[in-house]
Amino acid sequence: MAAIYKVSYVVSGGEHPGAILNTDHRPKKGDVVKLGRKPFQVIEVFDLIPPRGEFRYLHATVKPAESKNSS
């Protein structure tokens, strides 16, 4: 059975309440994730507790993603 990652996303600077999401892959530094309608870039990821069965519990700190349309 594939792993399920339960990820606690915390937004640096507190501009957004963050989220706890399930995913089928481990997020990594540089990834862009959507929390609600807004994109955020992952700046760090670490394990919260040891895996339990197929579940992996992670913390990810994110920051607002830079717009590709910036001038």
N, C-alpha and C. Protein backbone atom coordinates (compact mmCIF):
# COMPACT_ATOMS: atom_id res chain seq x y z
N MET A 1 0.84 -1.19 0.00
CA MET A 1 0.00 0.00 0.00
C MET A 1 0.89 1.25 0.00
N ALA A 2 0.51 2.26 -0.75
CA ALA A 2 1.28 3.50 -0.85
C ALA A 2 1.14 4.33 0.43
N ALA A 3 2.16 5.12 0.70
CA ALA A 3 2.14 5.98 1.88
C ALA A 3 1.17 7.14 1.69
N ILE A 4 0.60 7.57 2.80
CA ILE A 4 -0.24 8.77 2.84
C ILE A 4 0.48 9.77 3.72
N TYR A 5 0.74 10.95 3.16
CA TYR A 5 1.43 12.00 3.90
C TYR A 5 0.40 12.99 4.43
N LYS A 6 0.39 13.15 5.75
CA LYS A 6 -0.46 14.16 6.39
C LYS A 6 0.47 15.33 6.69
N VAL A 7 0.26 16.43 5.96
CA VAL A 7 1.19 17.54 6.01
C VAL A 7 0.54 18.76 6.65
N SER A 8 1.20 19.27 7.69
CA SER A 8 0.78 20.51 8.34
C SER A 8 1.57 21.65 7.67
N TYR A 9 0.86 22.47 6.89
CA TYR A 9 1.49 23.61 6.21
C TYR A 9 1.33 24.85 7.08
N VAL A 10 2.45 25.47 7.42
CA VAL A 10 2.46 26.70 8.21
C VAL A 10 3.05 27.80 7.34
N VAL A 11 2.32 28.93 7.22
CA VAL A 11 2.76 30.03 6.38
C VAL A 11 3.67 30.96 7.16
N SER A 12 4.87 31.16 6.65
CA SER A 12 5.83 32.07 7.27
C SER A 12 5.25 33.48 7.26
N GLY A 13 5.28 34.14 8.40
CA GLY A 13 4.75 35.50 8.50
C GLY A 13 3.30 35.56 8.93
N GLY A 14 2.61 34.43 8.99
CA GLY A 14 1.24 34.40 9.48
C GLY A 14 0.21 35.09 8.63
N GLU A 15 0.49 35.26 7.32
CA GLU A 15 -0.46 35.95 6.43
C GLU A 15 -1.66 35.07 6.06
N HIS A 16 -1.57 33.81 6.36
CA HIS A 16 -2.59 32.82 5.98
C HIS A 16 -2.67 31.82 7.13
N PRO A 17 -3.83 31.26 7.40
CA PRO A 17 -3.94 30.33 8.53
C PRO A 17 -3.24 28.99 8.32
N GLY A 18 -2.80 28.69 7.08
CA GLY A 18 -2.17 27.40 6.82
C GLY A 18 -3.22 26.33 6.61
N ALA A 19 -2.79 25.07 6.62
CA ALA A 19 -3.72 23.97 6.36
C ALA A 19 -3.07 22.65 6.75
N ILE A 20 -3.90 21.65 6.93
CA ILE A 20 -3.43 20.27 7.08
C ILE A 20 -4.05 19.50 5.92
N LEU A 21 -3.18 18.94 5.07
CA LEU A 21 -3.65 18.26 3.87
C LEU A 21 -3.05 16.87 3.77
N ASN A 22 -3.78 15.96 3.15
CA ASN A 22 -3.28 14.63 2.83
C ASN A 22 -2.79 14.63 1.39
N THR A 23 -1.67 13.95 1.14
CA THR A 23 -1.13 13.84 -0.21
C THR A 23 -0.47 12.48 -0.37
N ASP A 24 -0.25 12.07 -1.61
CA ASP A 24 0.37 10.77 -1.86
C ASP A 24 1.87 10.87 -2.11
N HIS A 25 2.43 12.06 -1.97
CA HIS A 25 3.88 12.24 -2.12
C HIS A 25 4.41 13.20 -1.07
N ARG A 26 5.69 13.04 -0.75
CA ARG A 26 6.33 13.91 0.23
C ARG A 26 6.66 15.25 -0.43
N PRO A 27 6.19 16.37 0.12
CA PRO A 27 6.58 17.66 -0.45
C PRO A 27 8.08 17.89 -0.22
N LYS A 28 8.69 18.69 -1.10
CA LYS A 28 10.10 19.00 -0.94
C LYS A 28 10.33 20.49 -1.15
N LYS A 29 11.47 20.97 -0.65
CA LYS A 29 11.83 22.38 -0.77
C LYS A 29 11.74 22.81 -2.23
N GLY A 30 11.06 23.94 -2.45
CA GLY A 30 10.89 24.47 -3.79
C GLY A 30 9.56 24.12 -4.44
N ASP A 31 8.88 23.09 -3.94
CA ASP A 31 7.57 22.74 -4.48
C ASP A 31 6.60 23.90 -4.28
N VAL A 32 5.61 24.00 -5.16
CA VAL A 32 4.54 24.98 -5.01
C VAL A 32 3.27 24.22 -4.71
N VAL A 33 2.59 24.61 -3.63
CA VAL A 33 1.32 23.99 -3.23
C VAL A 33 0.25 25.06 -3.17
N LYS A 34 -1.00 24.67 -3.40
CA LYS A 34 -2.11 25.61 -3.27
C LYS A 34 -2.80 25.37 -1.94
N LEU A 35 -2.92 26.43 -1.17
CA LEU A 35 -3.69 26.41 0.07
C LEU A 35 -4.88 27.32 -0.20
N GLY A 36 -6.03 26.72 -0.36
CA GLY A 36 -7.18 27.49 -0.82
C GLY A 36 -6.94 27.84 -2.27
N ARG A 37 -7.02 29.10 -2.60
CA ARG A 37 -6.80 29.55 -3.99
C ARG A 37 -5.42 30.12 -4.22
N LYS A 38 -4.61 30.21 -3.16
CA LYS A 38 -3.31 30.87 -3.27
C LYS A 38 -2.16 29.87 -3.34
N PRO A 39 -1.18 30.16 -4.21
CA PRO A 39 0.00 29.28 -4.30
C PRO A 39 1.06 29.68 -3.27
N PHE A 40 1.71 28.67 -2.70
CA PHE A 40 2.78 28.88 -1.73
C PHE A 40 3.96 27.99 -2.08
N GLN A 41 5.16 28.49 -1.82
CA GLN A 41 6.38 27.73 -2.09
C GLN A 41 6.89 27.12 -0.79
N VAL A 42 7.25 25.84 -0.84
CA VAL A 42 7.76 25.13 0.32
C VAL A 42 9.20 25.57 0.58
N ILE A 43 9.48 25.97 1.84
CA ILE A 43 10.85 26.39 2.18
C ILE A 43 11.54 25.41 3.14
N GLU A 44 10.77 24.55 3.81
CA GLU A 44 11.37 23.50 4.63
C GLU A 44 10.33 22.43 4.92
N VAL A 45 10.82 21.19 5.11
CA VAL A 45 9.95 20.05 5.43
C VAL A 45 10.67 19.18 6.44
N PHE A 46 9.96 18.74 7.47
CA PHE A 46 10.55 17.76 8.38
C PHE A 46 9.47 16.87 8.97
N ASP A 47 9.90 15.68 9.44
CA ASP A 47 8.99 14.72 10.05
C ASP A 47 8.56 15.22 11.43
N LEU A 48 7.27 15.09 11.73
CA LEU A 48 6.77 15.46 13.06
C LEU A 48 6.94 14.31 14.05
N ILE A 49 6.53 13.12 13.63
CA ILE A 49 6.64 11.92 14.46
C ILE A 49 7.02 10.77 13.54
N PRO A 50 7.47 9.66 14.11
CA PRO A 50 7.78 8.49 13.27
C PRO A 50 6.53 8.00 12.51
N PRO A 51 6.73 7.39 11.34
CA PRO A 51 5.60 6.85 10.58
C PRO A 51 4.79 5.86 11.40
N ARG A 52 3.50 5.81 11.12
CA ARG A 52 2.59 4.85 11.78
C ARG A 52 1.81 4.15 10.67
N GLY A 53 2.16 2.90 10.43
CA GLY A 53 1.53 2.17 9.33
C GLY A 53 1.85 2.87 8.02
N GLU A 54 0.83 3.12 7.22
CA GLU A 54 1.06 3.80 5.94
C GLU A 54 1.05 5.33 6.06
N PHE A 55 0.86 5.86 7.26
CA PHE A 55 0.79 7.31 7.45
C PHE A 55 2.14 7.91 7.81
N ARG A 56 2.47 9.03 7.18
CA ARG A 56 3.67 9.82 7.46
C ARG A 56 3.19 11.21 7.87
N TYR A 57 3.69 11.73 8.98
CA TYR A 57 3.25 13.01 9.52
C TYR A 57 4.37 14.03 9.35
N LEU A 58 4.09 15.10 8.59
CA LEU A 58 5.11 16.08 8.24
C LEU A 58 4.69 17.50 8.59
N HIS A 59 5.69 18.35 8.78
CA HIS A 59 5.50 19.79 8.91
C HIS A 59 6.18 20.43 7.72
N ALA A 60 5.52 21.38 7.08
CA ALA A 60 6.13 22.12 5.98
C ALA A 60 5.90 23.61 6.21
N THR A 61 6.98 24.38 6.17
CA THR A 61 6.87 25.83 6.23
C THR A 61 6.84 26.33 4.79
N VAL A 62 5.92 27.25 4.52
CA VAL A 62 5.76 27.78 3.16
C VAL A 62 5.75 29.31 3.20
N LYS A 63 5.97 29.90 2.03
CA LYS A 63 5.86 31.35 1.86
C LYS A 63 5.05 31.60 0.61
N PRO A 64 4.44 32.77 0.49
CA PRO A 64 3.69 33.06 -0.74
C PRO A 64 4.58 32.87 -1.97
N ALA A 65 4.06 32.19 -2.98
CA ALA A 65 4.82 31.96 -4.21
C ALA A 65 4.92 33.27 -4.98
N GLU A 66 6.08 33.48 -5.58
CA GLU A 66 6.26 34.69 -6.39
C GLU A 66 5.50 34.54 -7.69
N SER A 67 4.90 35.63 -8.11
CA SER A 67 4.13 35.62 -9.35
C SER A 67 5.06 35.54 -10.55
N LYS A 68 4.70 34.72 -11.53
CA LYS A 68 5.49 34.64 -12.77
C LYS A 68 5.34 35.89 -13.61
N ASN A 69 4.30 36.68 -13.31
CA ASN A 69 4.03 37.90 -14.08
C ASN A 69 4.65 39.14 -13.46
N SER A 70 5.55 38.97 -12.49
CA SER A 70 6.18 40.14 -11.84
C SER A 70 7.03 40.89 -12.85
N SER A 71 6.98 42.22 -12.80
CA SER A 71 7.80 43.03 -13.71
C SER A 71 8.99 43.62 -13.00
